[in-house]
Structures are given as C-alpha cells and as structure tokens.
Amino acid sequence: MNTPYNLAIVLLRLFGCIAVFLALLGFVFVAAFVVLLVIGAPEWFSQSVAPYAIQSAVGSPLWLIGGFIIIILSRRLASFIVKACEPGVTAP
C-alpha cells in the first residue's frame, strides 16, 4: 500500500486540492472587494486593496485550472515520478 506510486498520487492530488481551494479563496476575495466597493467603502481602503484584488482576479483562474490539470493528470505524473524512484535509474 505504501508504494512510491501511491504516495505520489496522494501528494499530487493533495496539491491539486490545495490549488483549487486557493483559487476559491481568491474568487471570494474579489467578490468581497466588489461588494464593499459597491456599498461605498472608504477611498483609502479601495485604493489600498485594489491592486491585490486585481492580482487575485488574474491569478485565481490560473490556480483553478492548474489544480484541475494536476488532479486529472495525477496518474501520469505519478508514474513519471516513480520512474526516478527505481533503483536502476538512480544508481551512478
């Protein structure tokens, strides 16, 4: 059960889930900023948070797509990782 392949799949899928979670947090941050901007947040607040909201609006879709790609391709990536764990490959 504790083969390098299984460990690699678990870690890859965990990283993919973390990436999707970070993307969702980014979308929530952008939505909260837009809601606060619409209801009339102070000027100093909107000017200081706007660059981070724009960065999050650009980065969140990338994290989401990347997380899904890693989750979908986790079997192929795990088999690629396991090739480096074979004794014949790592021997000098």
PDB file of N, CA and C in Angstrom:
ATOM      1  N   MET A   1       0.815  -1.198   0.000  1.00  0.00           N
ATOM      2  CA  MET A   1       0.000   0.000   0.000  1.00  0.00           C
ATOM      3  C   MET A   1       0.856   1.259   0.000  1.00  0.00           C
ATOM      4  N   ASN A   2       2.008   1.230   0.659  1.00  0.00           N
ATOM      5  CA  ASN A   2       2.872   2.405   0.722  1.00  0.00           C
ATOM      6  C   ASN A   2       3.916   2.377  -0.385  1.00  0.00           C
ATOM      7  N   THR A   3       3.474   2.231  -1.584  1.00  0.00           N
ATOM      8  CA  THR A   3       4.410   2.242  -2.702  1.00  0.00           C
ATOM      9  C   THR A   3       4.681   3.684  -3.106  1.00  0.00           C
ATOM     10  N   PRO A   4       5.789   3.929  -3.793  1.00  0.00           N
ATOM     11  CA  PRO A   4       6.055   5.304  -4.248  1.00  0.00           C
ATOM     12  C   PRO A   4       4.960   5.854  -5.165  1.00  0.00           C
ATOM     13  N   TYR A   5       4.332   4.967  -5.949  1.00  0.00           N
ATOM     14  CA  TYR A   5       3.254   5.402  -6.837  1.00  0.00           C
ATOM     15  C   TYR A   5       2.068   5.938  -6.038  1.00  0.00           C
ATOM     16  N   ASN A   6       1.653   5.193  -5.006  1.00  0.00           N
ATOM     17  CA  ASN A   6       0.512   5.634  -4.186  1.00  0.00           C
ATOM     18  C   ASN A   6       0.822   6.931  -3.446  1.00  0.00           C
ATOM     19  N   LEU A   7       2.025   7.034  -2.929  1.00  0.00           N
ATOM     20  CA  LEU A   7       2.418   8.256  -2.224  1.00  0.00           C
ATOM     21  C   LEU A   7       2.440   9.448  -3.177  1.00  0.00           C
ATOM     22  N   ALA A   8       2.958   9.233  -4.384  1.00  0.00           N
ATOM     23  CA  ALA A   8       2.995  10.316  -5.366  1.00  0.00           C
ATOM     24  C   ALA A   8       1.594  10.756  -5.766  1.00  0.00           C
ATOM     25  N   ILE A   9       0.690   9.812  -5.944  1.00  0.00           N
ATOM     26  CA  ILE A   9      -0.703  10.168  -6.293  1.00  0.00           C
ATOM     27  C   ILE A   9      -1.347  10.968  -5.168  1.00  0.00           C
ATOM     28  N   VAL A  10      -1.156  10.523  -3.941  1.00  0.00           N
ATOM     29  CA  VAL A  10      -1.759  11.228  -2.804  1.00  0.00           C
ATOM     30  C   VAL A  10      -1.226  12.655  -2.724  1.00  0.00           C
ATOM     31  N   LEU A  11       0.086  12.820  -2.834  1.00  0.00           N
ATOM     32  CA  LEU A  11       0.663  14.158  -2.722  1.00  0.00           C
ATOM     33  C   LEU A  11       0.271  15.054  -3.893  1.00  0.00           C
ATOM     34  N   LEU A  12       0.210  14.502  -5.095  1.00  0.00           N
ATOM     35  CA  LEU A  12      -0.208  15.307  -6.247  1.00  0.00           C
ATOM     36  C   LEU A  12      -1.661  15.749  -6.115  1.00  0.00           C
ATOM     37  N   ARG A  13      -2.516  14.841  -5.715  1.00  0.00           N
ATOM     38  CA  ARG A  13      -3.928  15.205  -5.571  1.00  0.00           C
ATOM     39  C   ARG A  13      -4.139  16.171  -4.414  1.00  0.00           C
ATOM     40  N   LEU A  14      -3.349  16.023  -3.359  1.00  0.00           N
ATOM     41  CA  LEU A  14      -3.423  16.979  -2.257  1.00  0.00           C
ATOM     42  C   LEU A  14      -3.023  18.367  -2.728  1.00  0.00           C
ATOM     43  N   PHE A  15      -1.931  18.457  -3.493  1.00  0.00           N
ATOM     44  CA  PHE A  15      -1.517  19.752  -4.028  1.00  0.00           C
ATOM     45  C   PHE A  15      -2.576  20.321  -4.972  1.00  0.00           C
ATOM     46  N   GLY A  16      -3.206  19.475  -5.779  1.00  0.00           N
ATOM     47  CA  GLY A  16      -4.274  19.937  -6.664  1.00  0.00           C
ATOM     48  C   GLY A  16      -5.465  20.475  -5.885  1.00  0.00           C
ATOM     49  N   CYS A  17      -5.829  19.797  -4.811  1.00  0.00           N
ATOM     50  CA  CYS A  17      -6.943  20.273  -3.977  1.00  0.00           C
ATOM     51  C   CYS A  17      -6.595  21.580  -3.278  1.00  0.00           C
ATOM     52  N   ILE A  18      -5.350  21.716  -2.843  1.00  0.00           N
ATOM     53  CA  ILE A  18      -4.926  22.972  -2.225  1.00  0.00           C
ATOM     54  C   ILE A  18      -4.974  24.099  -3.246  1.00  0.00           C
ATOM     55  N   ALA A  19      -4.566  23.832  -4.481  1.00  0.00           N
ATOM     56  CA  ALA A  19      -4.610  24.854  -5.529  1.00  0.00           C
ATOM     57  C   ALA A  19      -6.049  25.278  -5.821  1.00  0.00           C
ATOM     58  N   VAL A  20      -6.962  24.329  -5.888  1.00  0.00           N
ATOM     59  CA  VAL A  20      -8.378  24.657  -6.114  1.00  0.00           C
ATOM     60  C   VAL A  20      -8.925  25.463  -4.947  1.00  0.00           C
ATOM     61  N   PHE A  21      -8.548  25.095  -3.723  1.00  0.00           N
ATOM     62  CA  PHE A  21      -9.001  25.834  -2.538  1.00  0.00           C
ATOM     63  C   PHE A  21      -8.481  27.276  -2.557  1.00  0.00           C
ATOM     64  N   LEU A  22      -7.214  27.463  -2.930  1.00  0.00           N
ATOM     65  CA  LEU A  22      -6.662  28.816  -3.025  1.00  0.00           C
ATOM     66  C   LEU A  22      -7.367  29.630  -4.110  1.00  0.00           C
ATOM     67  N   ALA A  23      -7.733  28.976  -5.198  1.00  0.00           N
ATOM     68  CA  ALA A  23      -8.467  29.670  -6.247  1.00  0.00           C
ATOM     69  C   ALA A  23      -9.838  30.123  -5.753  1.00  0.00           C
ATOM     70  N   LEU A  24     -10.513  29.256  -5.020  1.00  0.00           N
ATOM     71  CA  LEU A  24     -11.824  29.635  -4.487  1.00  0.00           C
ATOM     72  C   LEU A  24     -11.705  30.774  -3.483  1.00  0.00           C
ATOM     73  N   LEU A  25     -10.668  30.743  -2.661  1.00  0.00           N
ATOM     74  CA  LEU A  25     -10.447  31.861  -1.736  1.00  0.00           C
ATOM     75  C   LEU A  25     -10.179  33.162  -2.490  1.00  0.00           C
ATOM     76  N   GLY A  26      -9.458  33.082  -3.595  1.00  0.00           N
ATOM     77  CA  GLY A  26      -9.203  34.268  -4.409  1.00  0.00           C
ATOM     78  C   GLY A  26     -10.484  34.830  -5.000  1.00  0.00           C
ATOM     79  N   PHE A  27     -11.360  33.946  -5.479  1.00  0.00           N
ATOM     80  CA  PHE A  27     -12.631  34.416  -6.020  1.00  0.00           C
ATOM     81  C   PHE A  27     -13.494  35.067  -4.940  1.00  0.00           C
ATOM     82  N   VAL A  28     -13.470  34.505  -3.740  1.00  0.00           N
ATOM     83  CA  VAL A  28     -14.223  35.090  -2.631  1.00  0.00           C
ATOM     84  C   VAL A  28     -13.668  36.466  -2.276  1.00  0.00           C
ATOM     85  N   PHE A  29     -12.341  36.615  -2.296  1.00  0.00           N
ATOM     86  CA  PHE A  29     -11.713  37.896  -2.004  1.00  0.00           C
ATOM     87  C   PHE A  29     -12.116  38.954  -3.031  1.00  0.00           C
ATOM     88  N   VAL A  30     -12.117  38.591  -4.298  1.00  0.00           N
ATOM     89  CA  VAL A  30     -12.505  39.543  -5.343  1.00  0.00           C
ATOM     90  C   VAL A  30     -13.978  39.912  -5.194  1.00  0.00           C
ATOM     91  N   ALA A  31     -14.815  38.923  -4.919  1.00  0.00           N
ATOM     92  CA  ALA A  31     -16.245  39.203  -4.743  1.00  0.00           C
ATOM     93  C   ALA A  31     -16.482  40.105  -3.533  1.00  0.00           C
ATOM     94  N   ALA A  32     -15.762  39.860  -2.440  1.00  0.00           N
ATOM     95  CA  ALA A  32     -15.919  40.714  -1.260  1.00  0.00           C
ATOM     96  C   ALA A  32     -15.457  42.135  -1.549  1.00  0.00           C
ATOM     97  N   PHE A  33     -14.376  42.283  -2.306  1.00  0.00           N
ATOM     98  CA  PHE A  33     -13.897  43.617  -2.657  1.00  0.00           C
ATOM     99  C   PHE A  33     -14.922  44.349  -3.514  1.00  0.00           C
ATOM    100  N   VAL A  34     -15.510  43.662  -4.480  1.00  0.00           N
ATOM    101  CA  VAL A  34     -16.503  44.299  -5.346  1.00  0.00           C
ATOM    102  C   VAL A  34     -17.736  44.693  -4.544  1.00  0.00           C
ATOM    103  N   VAL A  35     -18.177  43.846  -3.638  1.00  0.00           N
ATOM    104  CA  VAL A  35     -19.336  44.169  -2.805  1.00  0.00           C
ATOM    105  C   VAL A  35     -19.037  45.372  -1.921  1.00  0.00           C
ATOM    106  N   LEU A  36     -17.867  45.397  -1.309  1.00  0.00           N
ATOM    107  CA  LEU A  36     -17.510  46.550  -0.478  1.00  0.00           C
ATOM    108  C   LEU A  36     -17.365  47.818  -1.302  1.00  0.00           C
ATOM    109  N   LEU A  37     -16.893  47.687  -2.513  1.00  0.00           N
ATOM    110  CA  LEU A  37     -16.762  48.855  -3.380  1.00  0.00           C
ATOM    111  C   LEU A  37     -18.133  49.401  -3.785  1.00  0.00           C
ATOM    112  N   VAL A  38     -19.074  48.493  -4.036  1.00  0.00           N
ATOM    113  CA  VAL A  38     -20.420  48.912  -4.446  1.00  0.00           C
ATOM    114  C   VAL A  38     -21.174  49.565  -3.295  1.00  0.00           C
ATOM    115  N   ILE A  39     -21.017  49.041  -2.071  1.00  0.00           N
ATOM    116  CA  ILE A  39     -21.776  49.615  -0.963  1.00  0.00           C
ATOM    117  C   ILE A  39     -21.125  50.871  -0.396  1.00  0.00           C
ATOM    118  N   GLY A  40     -19.961  51.235  -0.909  1.00  0.00           N
ATOM    119  CA  GLY A  40     -19.378  52.509  -0.521  1.00  0.00           C
ATOM    120  C   GLY A  40     -18.269  52.420   0.500  1.00  0.00           C
ATOM    121  N   ALA A  41     -17.251  51.677   0.197  1.00  0.00           N
ATOM    122  CA  ALA A  41     -16.092  51.605   1.097  1.00  0.00           C
ATOM    123  C   ALA A  41     -15.316  52.916   1.030  1.00  0.00           C
ATOM    124  N   PRO A  42     -14.581  53.256   2.070  1.00  0.00           N
ATOM    125  CA  PRO A  42     -13.780  54.487   2.050  1.00  0.00           C
ATOM    126  C   PRO A  42     -12.738  54.448   0.924  1.00  0.00           C
ATOM    127  N   GLU A  43     -12.362  55.628   0.464  1.00  0.00           N
ATOM    128  CA  GLU A  43     -11.424  55.752  -0.657  1.00  0.00           C
ATOM    129  C   GLU A  43     -10.062  55.155  -0.318  1.00  0.00           C
ATOM    130  N   TRP A  44      -9.583  55.374   0.898  1.00  0.00           N
ATOM    131  CA  TRP A  44      -8.266  54.849   1.273  1.00  0.00           C
ATOM    132  C   TRP A  44      -8.246  53.329   1.260  1.00  0.00           C
ATOM    133  N   PHE A  45      -9.387  52.721   1.612  1.00  0.00           N
ATOM    134  CA  PHE A  45      -9.469  51.264   1.627  1.00  0.00           C
ATOM    135  C   PHE A  45      -9.479  50.701   0.210  1.00  0.00           C
ATOM    136  N   SER A  46     -10.292  51.283  -0.640  1.00  0.00           N
ATOM    137  CA  SER A  46     -10.402  50.754  -2.003  1.00  0.00           C
ATOM    138  C   SER A  46      -9.109  50.949  -2.795  1.00  0.00           C
ATOM    139  N   GLN A  47      -8.404  52.049  -2.539  1.00  0.00           N
ATOM    140  CA  GLN A  47      -7.151  52.274  -3.254  1.00  0.00           C
ATOM    141  C   GLN A  47      -6.041  51.350  -2.767  1.00  0.00           C
ATOM    142  N   SER A  48      -6.062  50.992  -1.513  1.00  0.00           N
ATOM    143  CA  SER A  48      -5.000  50.135  -0.999  1.00  0.00           C
ATOM    144  C   SER A  48      -5.251  48.659  -1.287  1.00  0.00           C
ATOM    145  N   VAL A  49      -6.504  48.249  -1.425  1.00  0.00           N
ATOM    146  CA  VAL A  49      -6.820  46.841  -1.647  1.00  0.00           C
ATOM    147  C   VAL A  49      -6.997  46.512  -3.124  1.00  0.00           C
ATOM    148  N   ALA A  50      -7.231  47.494  -3.961  1.00  0.00           N
ATOM    149  CA  ALA A  50      -7.496  47.256  -5.378  1.00  0.00           C
ATOM    150  C   ALA A  50      -6.379  46.494  -6.099  1.00  0.00           C
ATOM    151  N   PRO A  51      -5.099  46.821  -5.895  1.00  0.00           N
ATOM    152  CA  PRO A  51      -4.063  46.036  -6.599  1.00  0.00           C
ATOM    153  C   PRO A  51      -4.078  44.552  -6.234  1.00  0.00           C
ATOM    154  N   TYR A  52      -4.360  44.248  -4.968  1.00  0.00           N
ATOM    155  CA  TYR A  52      -4.419  42.850  -4.555  1.00  0.00           C
ATOM    156  C   TYR A  52      -5.644  42.147  -5.135  1.00  0.00           C
ATOM    157  N   ALA A  53      -6.741  42.875  -5.247  1.00  0.00           N
ATOM    158  CA  ALA A  53      -7.947  42.285  -5.834  1.00  0.00           C
ATOM    159  C   ALA A  53      -7.744  42.011  -7.323  1.00  0.00           C
ATOM    160  N   ILE A  54      -7.068  42.908  -8.011  1.00  0.00           N
ATOM    161  CA  ILE A  54      -6.794  42.687  -9.437  1.00  0.00           C
ATOM    162  C   ILE A  54      -5.843  41.510  -9.609  1.00  0.00           C
ATOM    163  N   GLN A  55      -4.822  41.439  -8.779  1.00  0.00           N
ATOM    164  CA  GLN A  55      -3.889  40.322  -8.833  1.00  0.00           C
ATOM    165  C   GLN A  55      -4.611  39.008  -8.558  1.00  0.00           C
ATOM    166  N   SER A  56      -5.523  39.011  -7.622  1.00  0.00           N
ATOM    167  CA  SER A  56      -6.276  37.815  -7.302  1.00  0.00           C
ATOM    168  C   SER A  56      -7.241  37.449  -8.423  1.00  0.00           C
ATOM    169  N   ALA A  57      -7.805  38.453  -9.093  1.00  0.00           N
ATOM    170  CA  ALA A  57      -8.720  38.188 -10.207  1.00  0.00           C
ATOM    171  C   ALA A  57      -7.979  37.555 -11.379  1.00  0.00           C
ATOM    172  N   VAL A  58      -6.715  37.893 -11.544  1.00  0.00           N
ATOM    173  CA  VAL A  58      -5.925  37.296 -12.627  1.00  0.00           C
ATOM    174  C   VAL A  58      -5.381  35.931 -12.204  1.00  0.00           C
ATOM    175  N   GLY A  59      -4.938  35.799 -10.969  1.00  0.00           N
ATOM    176  CA  GLY A  59      -4.298  34.576 -10.516  1.00  0.00           C
ATOM    177  C   GLY A  59      -5.235  33.449 -10.150  1.00  0.00           C
ATOM    178  N   SER A  60      -6.419  33.758  -9.698  1.00  0.00           N
ATOM    179  CA  SER A  60      -7.344  32.711  -9.251  1.00  0.00           C
ATOM    180  C   SER A  60      -7.753  31.743 -10.361  1.00  0.00           C
ATOM    181  N   PRO A  61      -8.083  32.228 -11.559  1.00  0.00           N
ATOM    182  CA  PRO A  61      -8.383  31.256 -12.620  1.00  0.00           C
ATOM    183  C   PRO A  61      -7.183  30.381 -12.969  1.00  0.00           C
ATOM    184  N   LEU A  62      -5.980  30.933 -12.875  1.00  0.00           N
ATOM    185  CA  LEU A  62      -4.792  30.130 -13.153  1.00  0.00           C
ATOM    186  C   LEU A  62      -4.605  29.036 -12.101  1.00  0.00           C
ATOM    187  N   TRP A  63      -4.821  29.368 -10.830  1.00  0.00           N
ATOM    188  CA  TRP A  63      -4.744  28.356  -9.780  1.00  0.00           C
ATOM    189  C   TRP A  63      -5.813  27.286  -9.972  1.00  0.00           C
ATOM    190  N   LEU A  64      -7.010  27.707 -10.364  1.00  0.00           N
ATOM    191  CA  LEU A  64      -8.106  26.758 -10.560  1.00  0.00           C
ATOM    192  C   LEU A  64      -7.801  25.804 -11.707  1.00  0.00           C
ATOM    193  N   ILE A  65      -7.392  26.333 -12.844  1.00  0.00           N
ATOM    194  CA  ILE A  65      -7.073  25.498 -13.999  1.00  0.00           C
ATOM    195  C   ILE A  65      -5.888  24.590 -13.684  1.00  0.00           C
ATOM    196  N   GLY A  66      -4.854  25.151 -13.048  1.00  0.00           N
ATOM    197  CA  GLY A  66      -3.693  24.345 -12.700  1.00  0.00           C
ATOM    198  C   GLY A  66      -4.022  23.223 -11.732  1.00  0.00           C
ATOM    199  N   GLY A  67      -4.856  23.512 -10.752  1.00  0.00           N
ATOM    200  CA  GLY A  67      -5.254  22.479  -9.793  1.00  0.00           C
ATOM    201  C   GLY A  67      -6.021  21.357 -10.449  1.00  0.00           C
ATOM    202  N   PHE A  68      -6.947  21.694 -11.341  1.00  0.00           N
ATOM    203  CA  PHE A  68      -7.705  20.658 -12.034  1.00  0.00           C
ATOM    204  C   PHE A  68      -6.819  19.843 -12.972  1.00  0.00           C
ATOM    205  N   ILE A  69      -5.878  20.495 -13.626  1.00  0.00           N
ATOM    206  CA  ILE A  69      -4.965  19.767 -14.517  1.00  0.00           C
ATOM    207  C   ILE A  69      -4.110  18.794 -13.713  1.00  0.00           C
ATOM    208  N   ILE A  70      -3.618  19.229 -12.565  1.00  0.00           N
ATOM    209  CA  ILE A  70      -2.805  18.333 -11.740  1.00  0.00           C
ATOM    210  C   ILE A  70      -3.636  17.164 -11.215  1.00  0.00           C
ATOM    211  N   ILE A  71      -4.874  17.419 -10.828  1.00  0.00           N
ATOM    212  CA  ILE A  71      -5.727  16.329 -10.341  1.00  0.00           C
ATOM    213  C   ILE A  71      -6.038  15.354 -11.472  1.00  0.00           C
ATOM    214  N   ILE A  72      -6.342  15.868 -12.652  1.00  0.00           N
ATOM    215  CA  ILE A  72      -6.693  14.998 -13.780  1.00  0.00           C
ATOM    216  C   ILE A  72      -5.495  14.181 -14.246  1.00  0.00           C
ATOM    217  N   LEU A  73      -4.332  14.808 -14.316  1.00  0.00           N
ATOM    218  CA  LEU A  73      -3.142  14.125 -14.816  1.00  0.00           C
ATOM    219  C   LEU A  73      -2.307  13.491 -13.703  1.00  0.00           C
ATOM    220  N   SER A  74      -2.877  13.294 -12.523  1.00  0.00           N
ATOM    221  CA  SER A  74      -2.097  12.797 -11.391  1.00  0.00           C
ATOM    222  C   SER A  74      -1.556  11.393 -11.635  1.00  0.00           C
ATOM    223  N   ARG A  75      -2.279  10.543 -12.343  1.00  0.00           N
ATOM    224  CA  ARG A  75      -1.786   9.184 -12.604  1.00  0.00           C
ATOM    225  C   ARG A  75      -0.552   9.211 -13.503  1.00  0.00           C
ATOM    226  N   ARG A  76      -0.595  10.002 -14.548  1.00  0.00           N
ATOM    227  CA  ARG A  76       0.562  10.088 -15.449  1.00  0.00           C
ATOM    228  C   ARG A  76       1.750  10.742 -14.755  1.00  0.00           C
ATOM    229  N   LEU A  77       1.479  11.798 -14.002  1.00  0.00           N
ATOM    230  CA  LEU A  77       2.569  12.457 -13.278  1.00  0.00           C
ATOM    231  C   LEU A  77       3.168  11.527 -12.222  1.00  0.00           C
ATOM    232  N   ALA A  78       2.335  10.745 -11.557  1.00  0.00           N
ATOM    233  CA  ALA A  78       2.839   9.818 -10.541  1.00  0.00           C
ATOM    234  C   ALA A  78       3.701   8.735 -11.180  1.00  0.00           C
ATOM    235  N   SER A  79       3.312   8.232 -12.330  1.00  0.00           N
ATOM    236  CA  SER A  79       4.143   7.218 -12.983  1.00  0.00           C
ATOM    237  C   SER A  79       5.469   7.821 -13.444  1.00  0.00           C
ATOM    238  N   PHE A  80       5.467   9.082 -13.836  1.00  0.00           N
ATOM    239  CA  PHE A  80       6.710   9.762 -14.205  1.00  0.00           C
ATOM    240  C   PHE A  80       7.616   9.934 -12.986  1.00  0.00           C
ATOM    241  N   ILE A  81       7.033  10.251 -11.851  1.00  0.00           N
ATOM    242  CA  ILE A  81       7.804  10.427 -10.621  1.00  0.00           C
ATOM    243  C   ILE A  81       8.382   9.092 -10.162  1.00  0.00           C
ATOM    244  N   VAL A  82       7.611   8.020 -10.295  1.00  0.00           N
ATOM    245  CA  VAL A  82       8.043   6.711  -9.825  1.00  0.00           C
ATOM    246  C   VAL A  82       9.233   6.203 -10.643  1.00  0.00           C
ATOM    247  N   LYS A  83       9.327   6.604 -11.899  1.00  0.00           N
ATOM    248  CA  LYS A  83      10.468   6.182 -12.717  1.00  0.00           C
ATOM    249  C   LYS A  83      11.789   6.620 -12.088  1.00  0.00           C
ATOM    250  N   ALA A  84      11.804   7.765 -11.445  1.00  0.00           N
ATOM    251  CA  ALA A  84      13.029   8.239 -10.792  1.00  0.00           C
ATOM    252  C   ALA A  84      13.298   7.506  -9.484  1.00  0.00           C
ATOM    253  N   CYS A  85      12.311   6.798  -8.948  1.00  0.00           N
ATOM    254  CA  CYS A  85      12.495   6.088  -7.681  1.00  0.00           C
ATOM    255  C   CYS A  85      12.986   4.657  -7.888  1.00  0.00           C
ATOM    256  N   GLU A  86      13.066   4.198  -9.116  1.00  0.00           N
ATOM    257  CA  GLU A  86      13.546   2.840  -9.368  1.00  0.00           C
ATOM    258  C   GLU A  86      15.038   2.766  -9.131  1.00  0.00           C
ATOM    259  N   PRO A  87      15.531   1.672  -8.565  1.00  0.00           N
ATOM    260  CA  PRO A  87      16.964   1.587  -8.234  1.00  0.00           C
ATOM    261  C   PRO A  87      17.887   1.678  -9.434  1.00  0.00           C
ATOM    262  N   GLY A  88      17.497   1.155 -10.581  1.00  0.00           N
ATOM    263  CA  GLY A  88      18.365   1.188 -11.752  1.00  0.00           C
ATOM    264  C   GLY A  88      18.558   2.582 -12.317  1.00  0.00           C
ATOM    265  N   VAL A  89      17.607   3.456 -12.104  1.00  0.00           N
ATOM    266  CA  VAL A  89      17.687   4.814 -12.660  1.00  0.00           C
ATOM    267  C   VAL A  89      18.567   5.697 -11.795  1.00  0.00           C
ATOM    268  N   THR A  90      18.478   5.544 -10.482  1.00  0.00           N
ATOM    269  CA  THR A  90      19.197   6.445  -9.591  1.00  0.00           C
ATOM    270  C   THR A  90      20.624   6.004  -9.283  1.00  0.00           C
ATOM    271  N   ALA A  91      21.004   4.783  -9.697  1.00  0.00           N
ATOM    272  CA  ALA A  91      22.353   4.287  -9.417  1.00  0.00           C
ATOM    273  C   ALA A  91      23.364   5.035 -10.279  1.00  0.00           C
ATOM    274  N   PRO A  92      24.554   5.356  -9.748  1.00  0.00           N
ATOM    275  CA  PRO A  92      25.550   6.116 -10.532  1.00  0.00           C
ATOM    276  C   PRO A  92      26.211   5.311 -11.613  1.00  0.00           C
TER     277      PRO A  92
END
